[in-house]
Protein backbone atom coordinates (compact mmCIF):
# COMPACT_ATOMS: atom_id res chain seq x y z
CA MET A 1 -26.66 -128.53 -139.17
CA ARG A 2 -28.31 -131.86 -137.65
CA GLY A 3 -25.79 -133.54 -137.71
CA GLU A 4 -23.96 -131.70 -135.43
CA GLU A 5 -25.93 -131.45 -132.30
CA PRO A 6 -24.37 -134.31 -130.57
CA GLY A 7 -21.45 -133.08 -130.75
CA GLN A 8 -22.57 -129.26 -129.33
CA GLN A 9 -24.45 -131.23 -126.79
CA ALA A 10 -21.44 -132.72 -125.55
CA GLY A 11 -19.35 -130.17 -126.05
CA ALA A 12 -21.87 -128.42 -123.72
CA ALA A 13 -21.84 -130.85 -121.36
CA GLN A 14 -17.85 -131.13 -120.63
CA GLN A 15 -18.36 -126.99 -120.43
CA ALA A 16 -20.84 -127.25 -117.67
CA PRO A 17 -20.31 -130.63 -115.57
CA GLN A 18 -23.24 -131.38 -112.71
CA VAL A 19 -22.48 -129.99 -109.29
CA VAL A 20 -24.61 -130.65 -105.93
CA VAL A 21 -23.66 -126.94 -104.14
CA SER A 22 -25.42 -125.59 -100.91
CA PRO A 23 -25.01 -122.98 -98.66
CA PRO A 24 -22.78 -123.44 -95.80
CA ILE A 25 -24.49 -124.58 -92.17
CA GLN A 26 -25.05 -121.76 -89.75
CA LYS A 27 -24.83 -122.67 -85.63
CA THR A 28 -23.67 -121.65 -82.91
CA VAL A 29 -20.59 -123.78 -81.67
CA SER A 30 -18.17 -124.23 -79.08
CA GLU A 31 -14.42 -125.39 -79.97
CA TRP A 32 -12.79 -127.83 -78.32
CA ASP A 33 -8.67 -128.31 -77.97
CA GLU A 34 -7.66 -131.60 -77.92
CA TYR A 35 -4.59 -132.44 -75.57
CA THR A 36 -3.13 -136.11 -74.11
CA GLY A 37 -1.92 -136.42 -70.24
CA ARG A 38 -1.73 -138.92 -67.79
CA PHE A 39 -3.92 -139.50 -64.72
CA ALA A 40 -2.49 -139.19 -61.09
CA ALA A 41 -3.55 -139.94 -57.85
CA VAL A 42 -5.10 -136.85 -55.72
CA GLU A 43 -3.73 -138.70 -52.72
CA GLU A 44 -0.52 -140.44 -52.74
CA VAL A 45 0.76 -141.75 -49.71
CA GLU A 46 4.41 -143.66 -48.50
CA VAL A 47 3.60 -145.62 -45.86
CA ARG A 48 6.71 -145.89 -43.24
CA ALA A 49 7.34 -147.29 -40.09
CA ARG A 50 7.71 -144.23 -36.81
CA VAL A 51 8.82 -146.25 -34.56
CA SER A 52 11.64 -149.16 -34.56
CA GLY A 53 11.15 -152.77 -34.10
CA TYR A 54 10.64 -156.10 -35.49
CA LEU A 55 7.53 -156.81 -37.56
CA ASP A 56 4.71 -158.40 -36.04
CA SER A 57 1.98 -159.59 -38.42
CA ILE A 58 1.08 -157.66 -41.89
CA ASN A 59 -2.98 -157.00 -42.12
CA PHE A 60 -3.28 -156.50 -45.71
CA ARG A 61 -3.05 -158.57 -49.08
CA ASP A 62 -1.02 -156.90 -52.04
CA GLY A 63 -3.26 -154.49 -54.21
CA ASP A 64 -6.01 -154.45 -51.77
CA ILE A 65 -8.34 -151.43 -51.34
CA ILE A 66 -8.61 -150.23 -48.09
CA TYR A 67 -9.86 -147.48 -45.90
CA LYS A 68 -8.60 -144.76 -44.06
CA GLY A 69 -7.85 -146.45 -40.36
CA ASP A 70 -7.72 -149.65 -41.71
CA LEU A 71 -4.72 -151.59 -39.59
CA LEU A 72 -1.92 -152.26 -42.36
CA PHE A 73 1.28 -153.19 -39.93
CA VAL A 74 1.69 -154.16 -36.67
CA ILE A 75 5.41 -153.55 -35.00
CA ASP A 76 5.97 -155.59 -31.71
CA PRO A 77 4.46 -153.40 -29.44
CA ARG A 78 6.27 -154.72 -26.32
CA PRO A 79 8.91 -152.38 -25.61
CA TYR A 80 6.88 -149.93 -25.79
CA GLN A 81 4.29 -151.05 -23.40
CA ALA A 82 6.92 -151.79 -21.24
CA ALA A 83 7.70 -147.88 -21.81
CA VAL A 84 4.16 -146.27 -21.36
CA ASP A 85 4.22 -148.95 -17.88
CA ALA A 86 7.36 -147.25 -16.98
CA ALA A 87 6.26 -143.75 -17.77
CA LYS A 88 2.58 -144.11 -15.77
CA ALA A 89 4.72 -144.93 -12.99
CA ARG A 90 6.78 -141.70 -12.78
CA VAL A 91 3.74 -140.01 -13.18
CA GLN A 92 2.27 -141.37 -10.07
CA GLN A 93 6.16 -140.65 -8.38
CA ALA A 94 5.75 -137.46 -9.38
CA ARG A 95 2.58 -136.38 -8.12
CA SER A 96 3.16 -138.26 -5.23
CA GLN A 97 6.07 -135.47 -5.00
CA VAL A 98 3.55 -132.19 -5.63
CA ALA A 99 1.48 -133.64 -2.92
CA LEU A 100 3.94 -134.14 -0.60
CA ALA A 101 5.44 -130.46 -1.40
CA GLN A 102 2.38 -128.97 -1.12
CA ARG A 103 1.94 -130.13 2.11
CA GLU A 104 5.07 -129.13 3.29
CA LEU A 105 4.40 -125.75 2.02
CA GLY A 106 0.57 -125.30 3.97
CA ARG A 107 2.99 -126.13 6.93
CA ALA A 108 5.59 -123.42 6.40
CA GLN A 109 2.79 -120.85 5.60
CA ASP A 110 1.05 -121.88 9.05
CA LEU A 111 4.63 -121.62 10.70
CA ARG A 112 5.35 -118.66 9.17
CA ARG A 113 2.23 -117.04 10.82
CA THR A 114 3.25 -117.19 14.07
CA GLN A 115 6.95 -116.20 13.45
CA ALA A 116 8.11 -120.31 14.06
CA VAL A 117 10.07 -120.55 10.30
CA SER A 118 11.75 -117.73 8.28
CA GLN A 119 10.75 -116.42 5.08
CA ALA A 120 13.99 -118.13 3.76
CA VAL A 121 12.11 -121.50 4.66
CA LEU A 122 8.38 -120.43 2.93
CA ASP A 123 10.45 -119.03 -0.20
CA GLN A 124 12.40 -122.87 -0.15
CA ARG A 125 9.28 -124.58 0.11
CA ALA A 126 7.38 -123.01 -2.50
CA GLN A 127 10.11 -123.73 -4.80
CA GLU A 128 10.12 -127.02 -4.06
CA LEU A 129 6.50 -127.57 -5.02
CA GLN A 130 7.21 -125.60 -8.17
CA SER A 131 10.17 -127.97 -9.18
CA ALA A 132 7.85 -130.84 -8.19
CA THR A 133 5.02 -129.16 -10.58
CA ALA A 134 7.75 -129.02 -13.47
CA THR A 135 9.02 -132.59 -12.59
CA GLN A 136 5.25 -133.92 -12.67
CA LEU A 137 4.29 -132.28 -16.22
CA GLU A 138 7.75 -133.52 -17.92
CA ALA A 139 6.81 -137.31 -16.41
CA GLU A 140 3.13 -136.44 -18.06
CA ALA A 141 4.42 -135.58 -21.13
CA ASN A 142 6.79 -138.18 -21.49
CA LEU A 143 3.79 -140.29 -20.26
CA ARG A 144 2.05 -138.92 -23.33
CA THR A 145 5.13 -139.35 -25.75
CA SER A 146 5.40 -143.06 -25.02
CA GLU A 147 1.74 -143.83 -25.24
CA LEU A 148 2.31 -142.43 -29.00
CA ASP A 149 5.01 -144.64 -29.57
CA LEU A 150 2.68 -147.70 -28.71
CA GLU A 151 -0.06 -146.37 -30.88
CA PHE A 152 2.58 -145.83 -33.65
CA THR A 153 3.42 -149.80 -33.47
CA GLN A 154 -0.08 -150.20 -34.89
CA VAL A 155 0.62 -148.44 -38.83
CA ARG A 156 -2.68 -147.80 -40.30
CA SER A 157 -3.61 -146.19 -43.50
CA PRO A 158 -3.92 -142.14 -43.53
CA VAL A 159 -6.14 -142.38 -46.84
CA THR A 160 -8.88 -144.35 -48.06
CA GLY A 161 -7.30 -146.12 -51.98
CA ARG A 162 -5.16 -149.07 -53.33
CA VAL A 163 -2.33 -150.34 -51.19
CA SER A 164 0.65 -151.77 -53.04
CA ASN A 165 2.46 -154.53 -52.50
CA ARG A 166 4.64 -155.03 -48.85
CA LEU A 167 8.10 -154.31 -49.05
CA VAL A 168 9.28 -155.92 -45.94
CA SER A 169 8.47 -158.99 -44.68
CA VAL A 170 7.07 -160.48 -41.00
CA GLY A 171 9.95 -160.62 -38.76
CA ASN A 172 12.20 -157.94 -40.64
CA LEU A 173 13.60 -155.21 -38.05
CA VAL A 174 12.29 -151.66 -39.26
CA SER A 175 13.64 -148.37 -38.20
CA GLY A 176 11.48 -145.38 -37.47
CA GLY A 177 11.25 -141.86 -36.19
CA THR A 178 14.08 -140.62 -38.68
CA ALA A 179 14.48 -139.51 -42.42
CA GLN A 180 15.57 -142.61 -43.16
CA SER A 181 12.18 -144.45 -41.75
CA THR A 182 11.67 -148.04 -43.33
CA LEU A 183 9.08 -147.34 -46.37
CA LEU A 184 6.67 -149.81 -45.63
CA THR A 185 4.43 -150.22 -48.70
CA THR A 186 2.64 -147.08 -50.96
CA ILE A 187 -1.04 -145.91 -51.08
CA VAL A 188 -3.29 -144.14 -53.94
CA SER A 189 -6.35 -142.44 -53.63
CA LEU A 190 -8.32 -143.30 -56.62
CA ASP A 191 -11.65 -141.35 -56.40
CA PRO A 192 -11.45 -138.56 -57.37
CA MET A 193 -8.16 -138.47 -59.92
CA HIS A 194 -6.29 -135.61 -61.21
CA PHE A 195 -5.98 -135.62 -64.84
CA TYR A 196 -2.32 -133.77 -66.20
CA PHE A 197 -1.46 -132.67 -69.40
CA ASP A 198 0.92 -129.66 -71.25
CA ALA A 199 -0.39 -127.26 -73.26
CA ASP A 200 1.71 -125.16 -75.41
CA GLN A 201 2.60 -121.48 -74.82
CA ALA A 202 0.82 -120.40 -77.94
CA ALA A 203 -2.20 -122.09 -76.43
CA TYR A 204 -1.98 -120.40 -73.37
CA LEU A 205 -1.47 -116.41 -75.20
CA ARG A 206 -5.10 -117.63 -76.72
CA TYR A 207 -6.42 -118.29 -73.74
CA VAL A 208 -5.33 -115.55 -71.54
CA ARG A 209 -6.47 -112.94 -74.76
CA LEU A 210 -10.04 -114.97 -74.30
CA ALA A 211 -10.76 -114.44 -71.33
CA GLN A 212 -9.68 -110.83 -70.91
CA ASP A 213 -11.57 -110.02 -73.95
CA GLY A 214 -14.59 -112.00 -72.17
CA ALA A 215 -14.70 -114.58 -74.81
CA ARG A 216 -13.58 -117.59 -72.33
CA LYS A 217 -13.12 -117.84 -68.89
CA SER A 218 -9.94 -118.22 -67.59
CA SER A 219 -9.44 -122.25 -65.88
CA ARG A 220 -7.62 -120.40 -62.66
CA GLU A 221 -11.01 -118.82 -62.04
CA ALA A 222 -13.54 -121.05 -63.51
CA GLN A 223 -13.97 -124.86 -63.46
CA ASN A 224 -13.82 -125.09 -67.46
CA PRO A 225 -15.87 -128.58 -68.40
CA VAL A 226 -13.55 -130.99 -70.04
CA ALA A 227 -14.08 -134.21 -71.83
CA LEU A 228 -11.79 -137.37 -71.80
CA ALA A 229 -11.14 -140.17 -74.25
CA LEU A 230 -9.45 -143.78 -73.05
CA PRO A 231 -6.78 -145.19 -75.37
CA ASP A 232 -9.48 -147.66 -76.53
CA GLU A 233 -12.49 -145.33 -76.58
CA LYS A 234 -13.11 -142.91 -79.93
CA ASP A 235 -15.83 -140.46 -78.27
CA PHE A 236 -15.04 -138.41 -75.56
CA LYS A 237 -17.55 -139.14 -72.85
CA HIS A 238 -15.79 -139.09 -69.61
CA ALA A 239 -17.10 -135.45 -68.00
CA GLY A 240 -14.70 -133.83 -65.64
CA LYS A 241 -13.75 -129.91 -64.69
CA MET A 242 -10.16 -127.72 -64.73
CA ASP A 243 -8.93 -127.20 -60.92
CA PHE A 244 -5.58 -126.10 -61.63
CA VAL A 245 -3.23 -124.04 -64.09
CA ASP A 246 0.68 -124.23 -63.12
CA ASN A 247 2.32 -121.03 -62.49
CA GLN A 248 4.73 -120.86 -64.96
CA ILE A 249 5.71 -121.92 -68.38
CA ASP A 250 8.65 -124.91 -68.61
CA ALA A 251 11.59 -123.05 -70.16
CA SER A 252 12.86 -126.39 -71.34
CA THR A 253 9.77 -127.48 -73.10
CA GLY A 254 7.20 -124.10 -73.61
CA THR A 255 4.35 -125.98 -71.98
CA ILE A 256 2.35 -124.93 -68.91
CA ARG A 257 0.53 -127.43 -67.01
CA GLY A 258 -2.98 -128.28 -66.65
CA ARG A 259 -4.74 -130.37 -64.48
CA ALA A 260 -8.51 -131.47 -64.37
CA ILE A 261 -10.40 -133.63 -61.91
CA PHE A 262 -12.41 -136.71 -62.43
CA GLU A 263 -14.86 -138.73 -60.26
CA ASN A 264 -13.96 -141.99 -60.61
CA PRO A 265 -16.95 -144.28 -58.62
CA ASN A 266 -16.30 -147.07 -60.59
CA LEU A 267 -12.72 -147.41 -60.52
CA LEU A 268 -12.02 -147.16 -63.87
CA PHE A 269 -9.13 -144.60 -64.20
CA THR A 270 -6.01 -145.58 -62.53
CA PRO A 271 -2.51 -143.96 -61.91
CA GLY A 272 -0.17 -143.43 -64.60
CA LEU A 273 -3.26 -144.15 -67.66
CA PHE A 274 -2.49 -142.08 -70.72
CA ALA A 275 -5.63 -140.91 -72.14
CA ARG A 276 -6.70 -137.40 -74.24
CA ILE A 277 -8.89 -134.60 -73.35
CA ARG A 278 -10.73 -131.56 -74.81
CA LEU A 279 -10.88 -128.32 -73.13
CA ILE A 280 -12.96 -125.41 -74.40
CA GLY A 281 -10.90 -123.58 -76.46
CA ARG A 282 -13.14 -120.53 -76.92
CA GLY A 283 -16.71 -119.52 -75.64
CA ASP A 284 -19.81 -120.06 -77.63
CA TYR A 285 -19.88 -118.24 -81.18
CA PRO A 286 -22.31 -118.78 -84.53
CA ALA A 287 -20.01 -120.67 -87.68
CA LEU A 288 -20.16 -121.56 -91.06
CA LEU A 289 -19.91 -124.83 -91.24
CA LEU A 290 -18.93 -127.18 -94.22
CA PRO A 291 -17.99 -130.80 -94.95
CA ASP A 292 -14.14 -131.48 -95.69
CA SER A 293 -15.48 -132.75 -99.31
CA ALA A 294 -16.10 -129.10 -100.52
CA ILE A 295 -12.74 -127.82 -99.17
CA GLY A 296 -9.82 -128.07 -101.87
CA THR A 297 -6.13 -127.84 -101.35
CA ASP A 298 -4.00 -125.52 -103.46
CA GLN A 299 -0.36 -125.04 -102.98
CA THR A 300 -0.10 -124.04 -99.20
CA ARG A 301 -4.08 -122.56 -98.94
CA ARG A 302 -7.45 -124.35 -98.54
CA TYR A 303 -10.17 -122.67 -100.81
CA VAL A 304 -13.71 -123.76 -101.85
CA LEU A 305 -15.63 -122.64 -105.18
CA VAL A 306 -18.87 -120.87 -104.88
CA VAL A 307 -21.23 -120.81 -107.42
CA ASP A 308 -22.25 -117.05 -108.99
CA GLY A 309 -25.31 -115.71 -110.57
CA GLU A 310 -24.28 -116.80 -113.96
CA ASN A 311 -23.38 -120.61 -112.95
CA LYS A 312 -19.94 -120.06 -112.66
CA ALA A 313 -17.04 -121.43 -110.33
CA GLN A 314 -15.23 -118.86 -108.05
CA TYR A 315 -12.42 -119.27 -105.82
CA ARG A 316 -12.63 -118.33 -102.47
CA PRO A 317 -9.51 -118.88 -100.49
CA VAL A 318 -10.41 -119.90 -96.60
CA GLN A 319 -9.22 -120.05 -93.05
CA LEU A 320 -10.40 -123.39 -91.86
CA GLY A 321 -11.35 -124.20 -88.20
CA PRO A 322 -11.76 -127.34 -86.45
CA ILE A 323 -13.81 -130.12 -86.89
CA ILE A 324 -17.01 -130.13 -84.96
CA ASP A 325 -19.54 -132.68 -85.29
CA GLY A 326 -17.78 -133.94 -88.27
CA MET A 327 -18.12 -130.76 -89.99
CA ARG A 328 -15.62 -127.98 -90.91
CA VAL A 329 -15.55 -125.06 -89.45
CA VAL A 330 -14.97 -121.88 -91.91
CA ARG A 331 -13.54 -118.78 -90.47
CA GLU A 332 -13.00 -116.09 -92.97
CA GLY A 333 -13.81 -115.79 -96.64
CA LEU A 334 -17.16 -117.09 -96.99
CA LYS A 335 -20.62 -115.94 -96.58
CA PRO A 336 -23.48 -117.39 -95.44
CA ASP A 337 -25.93 -117.29 -98.38
CA GLU A 338 -23.28 -118.25 -101.34
CA ARG A 339 -23.57 -121.48 -102.67
CA VAL A 340 -20.62 -123.84 -102.21
CA ILE A 341 -19.82 -126.94 -104.26
CA THR A 342 -20.13 -129.91 -101.70
CA SER A 343 -20.11 -133.07 -104.25
CA GLY A 344 -18.28 -132.66 -107.96
CA LEU A 345 -14.96 -129.85 -106.99
CA GLN A 346 -12.55 -131.93 -108.64
CA ARG A 347 -14.39 -132.15 -111.87
CA VAL A 348 -14.63 -128.14 -112.42
CA ARG A 349 -11.68 -125.39 -112.65
CA PRO A 350 -12.18 -122.09 -111.08
CA GLY A 351 -14.37 -119.57 -113.47
CA GLN A 352 -15.60 -122.53 -115.50
CA ALA A 353 -19.79 -122.87 -115.92
CA VAL A 354 -21.21 -125.31 -113.93
CA THR A 355 -24.72 -127.37 -113.94
CA PRO A 356 -25.87 -126.44 -110.11
CA VAL A 357 -28.38 -128.90 -108.04
CA ASP A 358 -29.21 -127.31 -105.25
CA GLN A 359 -29.27 -130.14 -102.42
CA PRO A 360 -29.20 -128.42 -98.58
CA LEU A 361 -26.21 -130.21 -96.14
CA SER A 362 -29.08 -131.67 -94.20
CA GLN A 363 -29.94 -133.63 -96.83
CA GLN A 364 -26.72 -135.10 -98.44
CA PRO A 365 -25.19 -138.06 -97.02
CA GLN A 366 -23.34 -137.56 -94.22
CA GLN A 367 -19.33 -137.50 -94.28
CA ALA A 368 -17.08 -139.73 -92.59
CA GLU A 369 -16.57 -137.84 -89.12
CA ALA A 370 -13.10 -137.17 -88.74
CA PRO A 371 -11.16 -137.77 -85.36
CA ARG A 372 -12.34 -135.26 -82.55
């Protein structure tokens, strides 16, 4: 009998492999949905000539940071200065005609009181004053137009941002004041920056229903927080907020466009830059968390093995959520007090006896965190 003991012990060891077990971590979490998109300028301006003429000077370097009101181009102002001078002369002439008409009307009124002139003469003098006044107003309006044209010979930046390259050279004739006005350069603002991304219609419906249930605020009504990671970054360390959701789903792609806004004081972001963004998927809720090493795959289902009171492994199909802080959210199929096999899962079959070693997840070696 004693000679059979080693074999019996070996068989028992094979039947009851040692496994590490732990209850799931209970924690209040927020889920984040990840999307990709690109930055775009809040303001993007095409700088075009507003008057025609020969280009006299260019007052910036290609790619410079410029500020609102900075002088960029100068178009030959001499023809427009001459037009202003001529308009001023016409204003003076019109004013003298008004003064003369006022004096003529005054004399006619005096003579009319003595019946020296007819009412028709008085009416004619009044009409002449009205005509002279209208001519003065027209001359003054023409002067303002000429002064505007002269002002437009100095092309200034309408926004603060980064200027592109010049598209014309000094000495070229540029045209302005029409739909085909000469494009001189473009400017994009850099701080803050917009970030555009597209979400599928399933995500849109989920967000709407969560908002209706009070589980998550709508990004149309609240500036929900977002986090962003650049292509060379693993962590989502750039904080921003939602500021726009489009008014319709694109029928050709089945997606709806969203927009976030980010401060950009160090000018790290630039229009067209690709990045990943995380948006709150649902509000805070209590969740059960497990490492991915505790989760098995059985054809099309995910499962965990829990150890019952008789130290036997029991099969539990589970519904999983995202990875949060390196741990997988278990949505359904698991109870908070159940002991889950977290190490040695591959050595155990459902219904098999095991030798459990209780070790809380907080004391187990950290699993490598999956990309978030």
